[in-house]
Amino acid sequence: MRVLVLFAHPVETSFSAALHQTTVAALSAAGHAVDDCDLNAEGFNPVLSREERIAYHDVSVNRKHAGPYVDRLLATDALVLVHPVWNYGYPAILKGFFDRVFLPGVSFTLADGVLRPTLNNIRKLAAVTTYGGSRFRSILMGDPPRRNFKRSLRLNIRPGAPAKYLALYDMNRTTEANCAAFLAKVKRAMQTF
């Protein structure tokens, strides 16, 4: 299976970077063809320009600025996100990826006010993430990243496709043992992905 891994963290020594390395290694060891997209290392520009917004609904030109990323998304069988949760949301670079790449004609069509998802090529979805705060605090805030993943993002892919959300909460107070256990959990999940 071809798997697109979207990694969103600017620090190569972060725990997120360790999660990214574990994810890519485990998927590769399981025989998957991994397209490793490190958004920061690739210099992805998350800002949706004025020109892009004006052309957003024009499917004949809306891919002009993000074409190579659109091609990668359309060529994959599975999508794995690896990112931290910052301020109860995605890092700006990952949010910008969704804004600039999940375009009309790419991830959905819009006809007569009816939205239809079109990323049927994506048969599996996963997220590997960390939160600074506790699960309880995240629930109180509505846990926007989990909700977006389970509802909005999942609706854009093949209907009924499995979606796995792996999260380590309370990073601000976690232990090395908890981090090691989560790395092992991620490795197991990606080996059987």
Protein backbone atom coordinates (compact mmCIF):
# COMPACT_ATOMS: atom_id res chain seq x y z
CA MET A 1 0.00 0.00 0.00
CA ARG A 2 1.24 3.52 -0.76
CA VAL A 3 1.09 5.65 2.40
CA LEU A 4 1.47 9.42 2.51
CA VAL A 5 2.85 10.49 5.89
CA LEU A 6 2.30 14.18 6.64
CA PHE A 7 4.66 15.36 9.37
CA ALA A 8 4.21 18.79 10.93
CA HIS A 9 6.80 19.86 13.52
CA PRO A 10 9.72 22.26 13.01
CA VAL A 11 12.13 20.73 15.55
CA GLU A 12 14.07 17.62 14.52
CA THR A 13 14.85 16.69 18.13
CA SER A 14 11.24 16.83 19.35
CA PHE A 15 9.21 13.87 20.58
CA SER A 16 7.02 14.43 17.51
CA ALA A 17 10.11 13.84 15.37
CA ALA A 18 10.69 10.54 17.19
CA LEU A 19 7.05 9.61 16.51
CA HIS A 20 7.54 10.53 12.86
CA GLN A 21 10.67 8.38 12.55
CA THR A 22 8.96 5.45 14.28
CA THR A 23 5.91 5.78 12.03
CA VAL A 24 7.90 5.86 8.79
CA ALA A 25 10.22 3.02 9.87
CA ALA A 26 7.37 0.75 10.99
CA LEU A 27 5.32 1.37 7.84
CA SER A 28 8.37 0.71 5.65
CA ALA A 29 9.27 -2.45 7.58
CA ALA A 30 5.70 -3.67 7.04
CA GLY A 31 6.24 -3.41 3.29
CA HIS A 32 4.36 -0.19 2.56
CA ALA A 33 5.66 2.32 0.02
CA VAL A 34 5.98 5.47 2.15
CA ASP A 35 5.82 8.98 0.73
CA ASP A 36 7.34 10.86 3.66
CA CYS A 37 6.21 14.48 3.50
CA ASP A 38 7.95 16.55 6.17
CA LEU A 39 6.13 19.82 5.60
CA ASN A 40 8.69 21.97 7.43
CA ALA A 41 11.73 20.34 5.81
CA GLU A 42 10.11 20.69 2.38
CA GLY A 43 9.42 24.37 3.02
CA PHE A 44 5.68 24.03 2.46
CA ASN A 45 4.02 27.45 2.49
CA PRO A 46 0.80 27.17 4.52
CA VAL A 47 -0.53 30.58 3.56
CA LEU A 48 -3.48 30.60 1.18
CA SER A 49 -2.80 33.61 -1.04
CA ARG A 50 -5.34 36.07 -2.36
CA GLU A 51 -4.93 34.61 -5.86
CA GLU A 52 -5.47 31.07 -4.57
CA ARG A 53 -8.60 32.04 -2.65
CA ILE A 54 -10.08 33.80 -5.69
CA ALA A 55 -9.41 30.70 -7.84
CA TYR A 56 -10.42 28.26 -5.07
CA HIS A 57 -13.65 27.03 -6.73
CA ASP A 58 -12.29 27.08 -10.29
CA VAL A 59 -11.14 23.46 -10.70
CA SER A 60 -9.42 24.30 -13.99
CA VAL A 61 -6.79 26.43 -12.20
CA ASN A 62 -7.06 25.90 -8.42
CA ARG A 63 -4.18 23.35 -8.35
CA LYS A 64 -1.70 25.78 -9.87
CA HIS A 65 0.20 26.53 -6.66
CA ALA A 66 -0.09 23.21 -4.83
CA GLY A 67 -0.06 20.81 -7.77
CA PRO A 68 2.79 18.53 -6.63
CA TYR A 69 1.14 18.08 -3.21
CA VAL A 70 -2.23 17.41 -4.85
CA ASP A 71 -0.55 14.76 -7.01
CA ARG A 72 0.95 13.10 -3.94
CA LEU A 73 -2.42 13.09 -2.18
CA LEU A 74 -4.20 11.60 -5.18
CA ALA A 75 -1.51 8.92 -5.63
CA THR A 76 -1.80 7.51 -2.11
CA ASP A 77 -3.84 4.64 -0.68
CA ALA A 78 -3.56 5.76 2.94
CA LEU A 79 -2.87 8.94 4.88
CA VAL A 80 -1.07 9.22 8.22
CA LEU A 81 -0.76 12.54 10.08
CA VAL A 82 2.04 12.98 12.62
CA HIS A 83 1.81 16.25 14.54
CA PRO A 84 1.49 17.86 17.95
CA VAL A 85 -1.67 19.64 19.04
CA TRP A 86 -0.98 23.29 19.71
CA ASN A 87 -3.60 25.58 21.25
CA TYR A 88 -6.22 22.88 20.68
CA GLY A 89 -5.55 22.81 16.96
CA TYR A 90 -3.29 21.59 14.19
CA PRO A 91 0.07 23.29 13.70
CA ALA A 92 -0.39 26.13 11.19
CA ILE A 93 1.62 24.34 8.52
CA LEU A 94 -0.70 21.30 8.64
CA LYS A 95 -3.85 23.45 8.69
CA GLY A 96 -2.42 25.32 5.71
CA PHE A 97 -1.89 22.01 3.91
CA PHE A 98 -5.58 21.22 4.29
CA ASP A 99 -6.52 24.74 3.13
CA ARG A 100 -4.25 24.70 0.07
CA VAL A 101 -4.38 21.02 -1.00
CA PHE A 102 -7.83 19.72 -0.03
CA LEU A 103 -9.40 21.70 -2.85
CA PRO A 104 -12.65 21.47 -4.78
CA GLY A 105 -12.07 18.84 -7.43
CA VAL A 106 -9.45 17.19 -5.22
CA SER A 107 -11.05 16.23 -1.92
CA PHE A 108 -14.63 17.14 -2.79
CA THR A 109 -16.95 18.43 -5.47
CA LEU A 110 -19.57 21.07 -4.91
CA ALA A 111 -22.55 21.04 -7.27
CA ASP A 112 -25.81 22.87 -6.63
CA GLY A 113 -24.81 23.40 -3.00
CA VAL A 114 -24.21 19.68 -2.42
CA LEU A 115 -20.76 18.63 -1.26
CA ARG A 116 -19.51 15.20 -2.33
CA PRO A 117 -16.22 13.74 -1.05
CA THR A 118 -13.85 12.49 -3.75
CA LEU A 119 -10.72 11.11 -2.03
CA ASN A 120 -11.92 7.54 -2.52
CA ASN A 121 -8.34 6.47 -3.21
CA ILE A 122 -7.61 6.83 0.52
CA ARG A 123 -8.64 3.54 2.12
CA LYS A 124 -7.05 4.05 5.56
CA LEU A 125 -6.45 7.03 7.79
CA ALA A 126 -4.42 7.50 10.96
CA ALA A 127 -3.17 10.27 13.20
CA VAL A 128 -0.26 10.12 15.63
CA THR A 129 -0.34 13.11 17.92
CA THR A 130 0.53 14.59 21.29
CA TYR A 131 -1.27 17.09 23.52
CA GLY A 132 0.33 19.29 26.16
CA GLY A 133 -2.76 19.10 28.36
CA SER A 134 -4.81 16.27 29.78
CA ARG A 135 -7.53 14.37 27.95
CA PHE A 136 -10.06 15.89 30.37
CA ARG A 137 -9.02 19.45 29.45
CA SER A 138 -9.16 18.54 25.77
CA ILE A 139 -12.68 17.15 26.18
CA LEU A 140 -13.75 20.36 27.94
CA MET A 141 -12.46 22.30 24.93
CA GLY A 142 -14.26 19.96 22.51
CA ASP A 143 -10.97 18.36 21.32
CA PRO A 144 -11.07 20.10 17.92
CA PRO A 145 -8.21 18.08 16.31
CA ARG A 146 -9.78 14.72 17.18
CA ARG A 147 -13.23 15.94 16.12
CA ASN A 148 -11.88 17.33 12.83
CA PHE A 149 -10.03 14.06 12.15
CA LYS A 150 -12.94 11.76 13.02
CA ARG A 151 -15.62 13.82 11.31
CA SER A 152 -14.44 16.26 8.67
CA LEU A 153 -11.25 14.61 7.41
CA ARG A 154 -12.72 11.13 7.52
CA LEU A 155 -15.71 12.25 5.44
CA ASN A 156 -13.38 13.19 2.55
CA ILE A 157 -11.99 9.67 2.10
CA ARG A 158 -13.48 6.36 1.00
CA PRO A 159 -16.73 5.73 2.89
CA GLY A 160 -16.27 3.24 5.73
CA ALA A 161 -12.48 3.46 5.65
CA PRO A 162 -10.89 2.73 9.03
CA ALA A 163 -9.50 5.71 10.93
CA LYS A 164 -7.15 5.30 13.90
CA TYR A 165 -6.39 8.21 16.24
CA LEU A 166 -3.35 7.62 18.47
CA ALA A 167 -2.85 10.38 21.02
CA LEU A 168 -0.58 10.89 24.00
CA TYR A 169 -2.12 13.44 26.33
CA ASP A 170 -0.55 15.49 29.12
CA MET A 171 2.90 15.80 27.54
CA ASN A 172 3.65 18.66 29.93
CA ARG A 173 3.69 16.18 32.84
CA THR A 174 4.44 12.84 31.21
CA THR A 175 7.31 10.52 32.03
CA GLU A 176 9.97 8.89 29.88
CA ALA A 177 8.23 5.56 30.50
CA ASN A 178 4.94 6.95 29.12
CA CYS A 179 6.74 8.29 26.06
CA ALA A 180 8.46 4.94 25.47
CA ALA A 181 5.16 3.09 25.86
CA PHE A 182 3.48 5.42 23.37
CA LEU A 183 6.32 4.98 20.86
CA ALA A 184 5.88 1.21 21.17
CA LYS A 185 2.11 1.56 20.67
CA VAL A 186 2.65 3.64 17.53
CA LYS A 187 5.18 1.12 16.20
CA ARG A 188 2.73 -1.77 16.70
CA ALA A 189 -0.12 0.18 15.08
CA MET A 190 1.95 1.09 12.03
CA GLN A 191 3.32 -2.46 11.66
CA THR A 192 -0.25 -3.71 11.28
CA PHE A 193 -1.60 -0.70 9.36
